[in-house]
């Protein structure tokens, strides 16, 4: 890689296209090193997100092979991370939410850590110029991940994404973009199942306020027993803050929070949904 910049050097006024062309021509020199491939792909992703998508498209991945095309995530963590960021970036450029959904669930079946990174990248890359349909579909995507995934880190990230998107919808008072009450109910009930770790526990407590705000914003006919639901939510929040000794170790704090969250999910909150 150093040779790219030292064999004669690039003039100070060299264009970005000239740089990409020279790097692409040297691709055979680093084809066998996934971490260098990841660095190259990171550059392409960065340029694509800053308005150079057409230029980047003229220099496709020089080391693309069958494993890249079939999304088999078994190379290196850095390369896998950059590959999913490229998937998110490309889907955003073409407004391809169907492709984004397909890729996300494909990645989720293969590598949980890579799926988490993909979920983390979606809000920032898809942040600009979202249409009403985009927001509705992204809410549906995050809700489906919460319901269908089993890994707590994945569910926690999807829940955080869903909560943040719903917060924006509530702030704009575009209530038609909110997930239906039965979808929110399925998401919440699904959180009663499977493993809960500190990250998911934190996401649950944070999202609970957004869920209650969404329910409260609907008509009384759409949200029966709202008073009871709000009381049950208040019990959950109070319970989550009930730590007697703030100087206890992190492990003890995490254990208490997990116990409180599990209790809230299995006892208090189900009452709030009926």
Foldseek 3Di string as FASTA:
>chain_A
DVCLAPVVHDDPPDDPLVSLVSCLVCCVVCLPPLVVLLVVLVVLLVCLLVPCVVSSVVRPRSNDDPCLVVVQPDDDPSNLLSSLSVQLLVCLVVVPLVSNLVVLVVVLVHDVVSSLSSLVNNCVNNVPDQDLVNLLSLLVSLLVCLQPHADLSNVLSSLQVNLVSLVVCVVVVVLVSHDQLVSVVSSLLSVLDHDHFLSNLVSCLVSLVSNLSSLVSDDCVSQPPNVLLVVLNVVLNVQLPPDDDPPDDPVVNRVSSRVSSNCSSPPRNVVSRD
